[in-house]
C-alpha atoms as a PDB file:
ATOM      1  CA  PRO A   1     -26.684 -35.224 -17.665  1.00  0.00           C
ATOM      2  CA  ARG A   2     -25.764 -31.718 -16.558  1.00  0.00           C
ATOM      3  CA  ALA A   3     -25.461 -30.429 -13.019  1.00  0.00           C
ATOM      4  CA  LEU A   4     -24.978 -26.895 -11.679  1.00  0.00           C
ATOM      5  CA  VAL A   5     -22.308 -26.825  -8.960  1.00  0.00           C
ATOM      6  CA  ALA A   6     -21.744 -23.844  -6.676  1.00  0.00           C
ATOM      7  CA  HIS A   7     -18.353 -22.474  -5.691  1.00  0.00           C
ATOM      8  CA  PRO A   8     -17.661 -20.266  -2.663  1.00  0.00           C
ATOM      9  CA  SER A   9     -15.300 -18.069  -4.719  1.00  0.00           C
ATOM     10  CA  SER A  10     -14.231 -17.307  -8.297  1.00  0.00           C
ATOM     11  CA  VAL A  11     -13.144 -20.301 -10.390  1.00  0.00           C
ATOM     12  CA  TRP A  12      -9.686 -19.766 -11.851  1.00  0.00           C
ATOM     13  CA  SER A  13      -9.140 -23.048 -13.706  1.00  0.00           C
ATOM     14  CA  VAL A  14     -10.912 -26.282 -14.660  1.00  0.00           C
ATOM     15  CA  GLY A  15      -9.756 -29.696 -15.852  1.00  0.00           C
ATOM     16  CA  SER A  16     -10.862 -33.271 -16.301  1.00  0.00           C
ATOM     17  CA  LEU A  17      -9.703 -36.690 -15.122  1.00  0.00           C
ATOM     18  CA  PRO A  18      -9.540 -39.897 -17.188  1.00  0.00           C
ATOM     19  CA  ASN A  19     -12.502 -41.312 -15.231  1.00  0.00           C
ATOM     20  CA  GLY A  20     -14.731 -38.417 -16.311  1.00  0.00           C
ATOM     21  CA  ASP A  21     -14.577 -36.440 -13.053  1.00  0.00           C
ATOM     22  CA  LEU A  22     -13.997 -32.701 -13.241  1.00  0.00           C
ATOM     23  CA  LEU A  23     -11.475 -30.536 -11.392  1.00  0.00           C
ATOM     24  CA  SER A  24     -11.910 -26.891 -10.426  1.00  0.00           C
ATOM     25  CA  GLY A  25      -9.411 -24.499  -8.859  1.00  0.00           C
ATOM     26  CA  SER A  26     -10.815 -21.492  -6.996  1.00  0.00           C
ATOM     27  CA  ALA A  27      -9.632 -18.188  -5.568  1.00  0.00           C
ATOM     28  CA  ASP A  28      -9.904 -19.691  -2.075  1.00  0.00           C
ATOM     29  CA  THR A  29      -6.799 -21.820  -2.946  1.00  0.00           C
ATOM     30  CA  ASN A  30      -8.785 -25.087  -2.995  1.00  0.00           C
ATOM     31  CA  VAL A  31      -8.991 -27.698  -5.765  1.00  0.00           C
ATOM     32  CA  ARG A  32     -12.275 -29.607  -5.856  1.00  0.00           C
ATOM     33  CA  ILE A  33     -13.184 -32.837  -7.658  1.00  0.00           C
ATOM     34  CA  TRP A  34     -16.725 -33.207  -9.005  1.00  0.00           C
ATOM     35  CA  THR A  35     -18.202 -36.599  -9.841  1.00  0.00           C
ATOM     36  CA  LEU A  36     -21.492 -38.223 -10.846  1.00  0.00           C
ATOM     37  CA  ASN A  37     -20.322 -41.636  -9.653  1.00  0.00           C
ATOM     38  CA  PRO A  38     -21.951 -42.507  -6.292  1.00  0.00           C
ATOM     39  CA  GLU A  39     -18.933 -44.627  -5.373  1.00  0.00           C
ATOM     40  CA  ARG A  40     -16.638 -41.598  -5.476  1.00  0.00           C
ATOM     41  CA  VAL A  41     -18.912 -39.097  -3.734  1.00  0.00           C
ATOM     42  CA  ALA A  42     -17.359 -37.444  -0.671  1.00  0.00           C
ATOM     43  CA  SER A  43     -18.466 -38.241   2.869  1.00  0.00           C
ATOM     44  CA  LYS A  44     -21.417 -36.478   4.475  1.00  0.00           C
ATOM     45  CA  GLU A  45     -19.000 -34.472   6.641  1.00  0.00           C
ATOM     46  CA  VAL A  46     -17.088 -33.150   3.603  1.00  0.00           C
ATOM     47  CA  LEU A  47     -20.307 -32.316   1.746  1.00  0.00           C
ATOM     48  CA  GLN A  48     -21.680 -30.510   4.795  1.00  0.00           C
ATOM     49  CA  SER A  49     -18.419 -28.600   5.140  1.00  0.00           C
ATOM     50  CA  HIS A  50     -18.765 -27.457   1.537  1.00  0.00           C
ATOM     51  CA  GLU A  51     -22.361 -26.345   2.125  1.00  0.00           C
ATOM     52  CA  ASP A  52     -21.326 -24.401   5.241  1.00  0.00           C
ATOM     53  CA  PHE A  53     -18.543 -22.682   3.325  1.00  0.00           C
ATOM     54  CA  LEU A  54     -21.000 -21.755   0.559  1.00  0.00           C
ATOM     55  CA  LYS A  55     -23.276 -20.109   3.132  1.00  0.00           C
ATOM     56  CA  LEU A  56     -20.324 -18.202   4.585  1.00  0.00           C
ATOM     57  CA  ALA A  57     -19.277 -17.002   1.126  1.00  0.00           C
ATOM     58  CA  LEU A  58     -22.848 -15.905   0.378  1.00  0.00           C
ATOM     59  CA  GLN A  59     -22.858 -13.789   3.535  1.00  0.00           C
ATOM     60  CA  ALA A  60     -19.500 -12.261   2.548  1.00  0.00           C
ATOM     61  CA  LYS A  61     -20.914 -11.065  -0.789  1.00  0.00           C
ATOM     62  CA  GLY A  62     -22.940  -8.455   1.034  1.00  0.00           C
ATOM     63  CA  LEU A  63     -19.887  -7.051   2.786  1.00  0.00           C
ATOM     64  CA  ASP A  64     -17.791  -4.155   1.490  1.00  0.00           C
ATOM     65  CA  ASP A  65     -14.903  -5.987   3.107  1.00  0.00           C
ATOM     66  CA  ILE A  66     -14.498  -8.659   5.778  1.00  0.00           C
ATOM     67  CA  ASP A  67     -15.433  -7.210   9.156  1.00  0.00           C
ATOM     68  CA  GLU A  68     -12.451  -7.133  11.521  1.00  0.00           C
ATOM     69  CA  ALA A  69     -14.776  -8.173  14.339  1.00  0.00           C
ATOM     70  CA  GLN A  70     -15.358 -11.500  12.544  1.00  0.00           C
ATOM     71  CA  ILE A  71     -11.646 -12.328  12.317  1.00  0.00           C
ATOM     72  CA  SER A  72     -10.173 -14.349  15.190  1.00  0.00           C
ATOM     73  CA  ASP A  73      -6.574 -14.492  16.330  1.00  0.00           C
ATOM     74  CA  ALA A  74      -4.604 -17.616  15.369  1.00  0.00           C
ATOM     75  CA  SER A  75      -4.634 -18.705  19.023  1.00  0.00           C
ATOM     76  CA  VAL A  76      -8.259 -19.836  18.562  1.00  0.00           C
ATOM     77  CA  LEU A  77      -6.905 -22.807  16.604  1.00  0.00           C
ATOM     78  CA  THR A  78      -5.229 -24.149  19.750  1.00  0.00           C
ATOM     79  CA  LYS A  79      -8.574 -24.644  21.477  1.00  0.00           C
ATOM     80  CA  PRO A  80     -11.289 -27.206  20.645  1.00  0.00           C
ATOM     81  CA  GLY A  81     -14.480 -25.971  19.030  1.00  0.00           C
ATOM     82  CA  ALA A  82     -18.028 -27.155  18.616  1.00  0.00           C
ATOM     83  CA  PRO A  83     -18.504 -29.885  15.964  1.00  0.00           C
ATOM     84  CA  GLY A  84     -18.640 -28.216  12.546  1.00  0.00           C
ATOM     85  CA  ALA A  85     -17.892 -24.750  13.958  1.00  0.00           C
ATOM     86  CA  ILE A  86     -16.461 -22.259  11.457  1.00  0.00           C
ATOM     87  CA  LYS A  87     -13.945 -19.502  12.240  1.00  0.00           C
ATOM     88  CA  ILE A  88     -12.288 -16.828  10.106  1.00  0.00           C
ATOM     89  CA  VAL A  89      -8.705 -16.693  11.358  1.00  0.00           C
ATOM     90  CA  ARG A  90      -5.984 -14.136  10.738  1.00  0.00           C
ATOM     91  CA  GLN A  91      -3.183 -15.800   8.733  1.00  0.00           C
ATOM     92  CA  PRO A  92      -0.092 -14.506   6.851  1.00  0.00           C
ATOM     93  CA  GLU A  93      -1.764 -15.206   3.490  1.00  0.00           C
ATOM     94  CA  GLY A  94      -4.945 -13.374   4.567  1.00  0.00           C
ATOM     95  CA  PRO A  95      -8.182 -14.091   6.488  1.00  0.00           C
ATOM     96  CA  THR A  96      -8.674 -17.859   6.278  1.00  0.00           C
ATOM     97  CA  VAL A  97     -11.693 -20.056   7.033  1.00  0.00           C
ATOM     98  CA  PHE A  98     -11.233 -23.035   9.365  1.00  0.00           C
ATOM     99  CA  GLN A  99     -13.800 -25.638  10.392  1.00  0.00           C
ATOM    100  CA  TYR A 100     -13.576 -27.815  13.489  1.00  0.00           C
ATOM    101  CA  ASP A 101     -13.471 -31.554  12.791  1.00  0.00           C
ATOM    102  CA  ALA A 102     -14.760 -33.226  15.971  1.00  0.00           C
ATOM    103  CA  ALA A 103     -13.735 -36.697  14.789  1.00  0.00           C
ATOM    104  CA  LYS A 104     -10.099 -35.606  14.426  1.00  0.00           C
ATOM    105  CA  SER A 105     -10.261 -33.042  17.250  1.00  0.00           C
ATOM    106  CA  GLU A 106      -8.601 -30.399  15.087  1.00  0.00           C
ATOM    107  CA  TRP A 107      -9.318 -27.290  13.045  1.00  0.00           C
ATOM    108  CA  VAL A 108      -9.227 -27.993   9.301  1.00  0.00           C
ATOM    109  CA  LYS A 109      -8.333 -25.273   6.817  1.00  0.00           C
ATOM    110  CA  VAL A 110     -11.165 -24.707   4.348  1.00  0.00           C
ATOM    111  CA  GLY A 111      -9.700 -21.833   2.321  1.00  0.00           C
ATOM    112  CA  LEU A 112      -9.247 -18.085   2.099  1.00  0.00           C
ATOM    113  CA  ALA A 113     -12.192 -15.914   3.093  1.00  0.00           C
ATOM    114  CA  VAL A 114     -12.968 -14.046  -0.117  1.00  0.00           C
ATOM    115  CA  GLY A 115     -15.043 -10.900   0.358  1.00  0.00           C
ATOM    116  CA  LYS A 116     -16.213  -8.251  -2.063  1.00  0.00           C
ATOM    117  CA  LYS A 117     -14.571  -4.864  -1.777  1.00  0.00           C
ATOM    118  CA  GLN A 118     -16.669  -1.899  -2.801  1.00  0.00           C
ATOM    119  CA  ALA A 119     -15.078   0.739  -5.012  1.00  0.00           C
ATOM    120  CA  LYS A 120     -14.567   4.131  -3.403  1.00  0.00           C
ATOM    121  CA  PRO A 121     -16.499   7.148  -4.708  1.00  0.00           C
ATOM    122  CA  ASN A 122     -14.467   9.368  -7.011  1.00  0.00           C
ATOM    123  CA  VAL A 123     -14.306  12.836  -8.502  1.00  0.00           C
ATOM    124  CA  ASN A 124     -12.803  13.048 -12.001  1.00  0.00           C
ATOM    125  CA  GLY A 125     -11.251   9.610 -11.540  1.00  0.00           C
ATOM    126  CA  VAL A 126      -9.674  10.394  -8.157  1.00  0.00           C
ATOM    127  CA  GLU A 127     -10.930   8.154  -5.330  1.00  0.00           C
ATOM    128  CA  TYR A 128     -11.972   9.573  -1.959  1.00  0.00           C
ATOM    129  CA  ASP A 129     -13.395   8.183   1.269  1.00  0.00           C
ATOM    130  CA  PHE A 130     -16.362  10.533   0.858  1.00  0.00           C
ATOM    131  CA  VAL A 131     -17.857  12.580  -1.968  1.00  0.00           C
ATOM    132  CA  THR A 132     -20.399  15.260  -1.169  1.00  0.00           C
ATOM    133  CA  ASP A 133     -22.296  17.861  -3.232  1.00  0.00           C
ATOM    134  CA  VAL A 134     -21.805  21.580  -2.617  1.00  0.00           C
ATOM    135  CA  GLN A 135     -24.217  24.140  -4.079  1.00  0.00           C
ATOM    136  CA  VAL A 136     -22.380  26.988  -5.836  1.00  0.00           C
ATOM    137  CA  ASP A 137     -24.428  29.607  -7.727  1.00  0.00           C
ATOM    138  CA  LYS A 138     -27.257  27.157  -8.322  1.00  0.00           C
ATOM    139  CA  ARG A 139     -24.728  24.543  -9.460  1.00  0.00           C
ATOM    140  CA  SER A 140     -24.005  21.284  -7.672  1.00  0.00           C
ATOM    141  CA  ILE A 141     -20.243  20.653  -7.477  1.00  0.00           C
ATOM    142  CA  LYS A 142     -18.801  17.441  -6.084  1.00  0.00           C
ATOM    143  CA  LEU A 143     -16.243  17.756  -3.292  1.00  0.00           C
ATOM    144  CA  GLY A 144     -14.029  14.788  -2.444  1.00  0.00           C
ATOM    145  CA  PHE A 145     -12.799  14.309   1.105  1.00  0.00           C
ATOM    146  CA  ASN A 146     -10.540  11.726   2.765  1.00  0.00           C
ATOM    147  CA  LYS A 147     -10.932  10.985   6.453  1.00  0.00           C
ATOM    148  CA  TRP A 148      -7.278  11.902   7.105  1.00  0.00           C
ATOM    149  CA  GLN A 149      -7.677  15.385   5.629  1.00  0.00           C
ATOM    150  CA  ASP A 150      -8.175  18.685   7.467  1.00  0.00           C
ATOM    151  CA  PRO A 151     -11.751  19.972   6.903  1.00  0.00           C
ATOM    152  CA  VAL A 152     -10.612  23.604   7.246  1.00  0.00           C
ATOM    153  CA  ASP A 153      -7.860  23.249   4.659  1.00  0.00           C
ATOM    154  CA  VAL A 154     -10.081  21.342   2.203  1.00  0.00           C
ATOM    155  CA  ALA A 155     -12.949  23.833   2.558  1.00  0.00           C
ATOM    156  CA  ARG A 156     -10.744  26.896   2.044  1.00  0.00           C
ATOM    157  CA  LYS A 157      -9.038  25.467  -1.047  1.00  0.00           C
ATOM    158  CA  PHE A 158     -12.444  24.549  -2.466  1.00  0.00           C
ATOM    159  CA  CYS A 159     -13.685  28.100  -1.909  1.00  0.00           C
ATOM    160  CA  VAL A 160     -10.645  29.619  -3.601  1.00  0.00           C
ATOM    161  CA  ARG A 161     -10.946  27.286  -6.583  1.00  0.00           C
ATOM    162  CA  TYR A 162     -14.606  28.053  -7.230  1.00  0.00           C
ATOM    163  CA  GLY A 163     -14.619  31.718  -6.205  1.00  0.00           C
ATOM    164  CA  ILE A 164     -16.697  31.217  -3.075  1.00  0.00           C
ATOM    165  CA  GLN A 165     -16.481  33.812  -0.309  1.00  0.00           C
ATOM    166  CA  VAL A 166     -14.043  32.500   2.269  1.00  0.00           C
ATOM    167  CA  ASP A 167     -16.395  33.475   5.097  1.00  0.00           C
ATOM    168  CA  GLU A 168     -18.899  30.999   3.630  1.00  0.00           C
ATOM    169  CA  ALA A 169     -16.400  28.198   4.122  1.00  0.00           C
ATOM    170  CA  ASN A 170     -17.647  27.657   7.679  1.00  0.00           C
ATOM    171  CA  GLN A 171     -20.751  25.873   6.375  1.00  0.00           C
ATOM    172  CA  ILE A 172     -18.584  23.518   4.311  1.00  0.00           C
ATOM    173  CA  ILE A 173     -16.248  22.949   7.268  1.00  0.00           C
ATOM    174  CA  GLN A 174     -19.157  22.000   9.529  1.00  0.00           C
ATOM    175  CA  HIS A 175     -20.408  19.641   6.837  1.00  0.00           C
ATOM    176  CA  LEU A 176     -17.011  17.915   6.548  1.00  0.00           C
ATOM    177  CA  MET A 177     -16.262  17.668  10.280  1.00  0.00           C
ATOM    178  CA  PRO A 178     -18.214  14.407  10.898  1.00  0.00           C
ATOM    179  CA  MET A 179     -16.263  12.753   8.053  1.00  0.00           C
ATOM    180  CA  ALA A 180     -12.853  13.554   9.537  1.00  0.00           C
ATOM    181  CA  ASP A 181     -10.992  10.918  11.570  1.00  0.00           C
ATOM    182  CA  PRO A 182      -8.450  12.343  14.062  1.00  0.00           C
ATOM    183  CA  VAL A 183      -6.644   8.987  14.326  1.00  0.00           C
ATOM    184  CA  ALA A 184      -6.279   8.721  10.537  1.00  0.00           C
ATOM    185  CA  ARG A 185      -5.135  12.353  10.440  1.00  0.00           C
ATOM    186  CA  GLN A 186      -2.451  11.740  13.051  1.00  0.00           C
ATOM    187  CA  LYS A 187      -1.253   8.632  11.233  1.00  0.00           C
ATOM    188  CA  TYR A 188      -1.012  10.570   7.964  1.00  0.00           C
ATOM    189  CA  LEU A 189       0.999  13.385   9.594  1.00  0.00           C
ATOM    190  CA  MET A 190       3.387  10.888  11.177  1.00  0.00           C
ATOM    191  CA  GLU A 191       3.924   9.158   7.822  1.00  0.00           C
ATOM    192  CA  GLN A 192       4.651  12.494   6.153  1.00  0.00           C
ATOM    193  CA  GLU A 193       7.120  13.375   8.909  1.00  0.00           C
ATOM    194  CA  GLU A 194       8.916  10.062   8.421  1.00  0.00           C
ATOM    195  CA  LYS A 195       9.162  10.710   4.672  1.00  0.00           C
ATOM    196  CA  ARG A 196      10.749  14.105   5.326  1.00  0.00           C
ATOM    197  CA  LYS A 197      13.365  12.496   7.553  1.00  0.00           C
ATOM    198  CA  GLN A 198      14.427   9.990   4.890  1.00  0.00           C
ATOM    199  CA  PRO A 199      17.620  10.960   3.003  1.00  0.00           C
ATOM    200  CA  PHE A 200      17.478  11.823  -0.689  1.00  0.00           C
ATOM    201  CA  SER A 201      18.085   8.956  -3.084  1.00  0.00           C
ATOM    202  CA  LEU A 202      20.536   9.569  -5.939  1.00  0.00           C
ATOM    203  CA  SER A 203      17.701   9.913  -8.478  1.00  0.00           C
ATOM    204  CA  GLN A 204      15.799  12.349  -6.220  1.00  0.00           C
ATOM    205  CA  LEU A 205      18.957  14.400  -5.631  1.00  0.00           C
ATOM    206  CA  THR A 206      19.647  14.512  -9.380  1.00  0.00           C
ATOM    207  CA  ARG A 207      16.122  15.771 -10.096  1.00  0.00           C
ATOM    208  CA  TYR A 208      16.405  18.326  -7.280  1.00  0.00           C
ATOM    209  CA  VAL A 209      19.715  19.685  -8.607  1.00  0.00           C
ATOM    210  CA  ALA A 210      18.316  19.799 -12.162  1.00  0.00           C
ATOM    211  CA  MET A 211      15.244  21.726 -11.029  1.00  0.00           C
ATOM    212  CA  SER A 212      17.369  24.146  -8.988  1.00  0.00           C
ATOM    213  CA  PHE A 213      19.624  24.739 -12.008  1.00  0.00           C
ATOM    214  CA  GLN A 214      16.617  25.476 -14.258  1.00  0.00           C
ATOM    215  CA  GLN A 215      15.136  27.911 -11.740  1.00  0.00           C
ATOM    216  CA  SER A 216      18.372  29.794 -11.066  1.00  0.00           C
ATOM    217  CA  GLY A 217      19.592  29.969 -14.686  1.00  0.00           C
ATOM    218  CA  ASN A 218      23.271  29.716 -15.565  1.00  0.00           C
ATOM    219  CA  PRO A 219      25.515  28.973 -12.581  1.00  0.00           C
ATOM    220  CA  GLN A 220      27.742  31.803 -11.364  1.00  0.00           C
ATOM    221  CA  ARG A 221      31.461  31.506 -11.901  1.00  0.00           C
END
């Protein structure tokens, strides 16, 4: 007989046991044993836990990524929960699903919470947070924009590249403004400032000297 078994995440490996049972290893870091022998079937609590985890994984498939609001701090594991309650908890290895076992009065690790991350839109293979269409001489040209970028700078460079009157850039700027994130912009500027403060590595210094030599020609004696 054949049976279709559901997994809450991608199956990475399978195997078999001498008694005919099957093994499966999944992306959620769990190994499961599947059997047709009623004597080796798991308890109702374990089976219900598996069903609950399947439902949670099904919900995660519709997410671009796991919502931060759904992730609890690790301190939640120090408090009792409702029987069978499920929590996604922040762990070093990533967001992890725990279920409360009322019989043992403890949170039991179920596995990693595996979501589905949506690919970013791109222009000519370059990914952006947003891609919008700009009409230029009856042509529709795609303009990529990241939330950390400056709308004014992006709009002006776009106008120069495609020969658009700079005074028409205001319409593009107003279109990009809602996409900009001041917090992300500030973080980006701080990261760039930190990079400028870092000393040259030997390889960077060698390239810099080589480039300077090529630009200046033969060194003066």
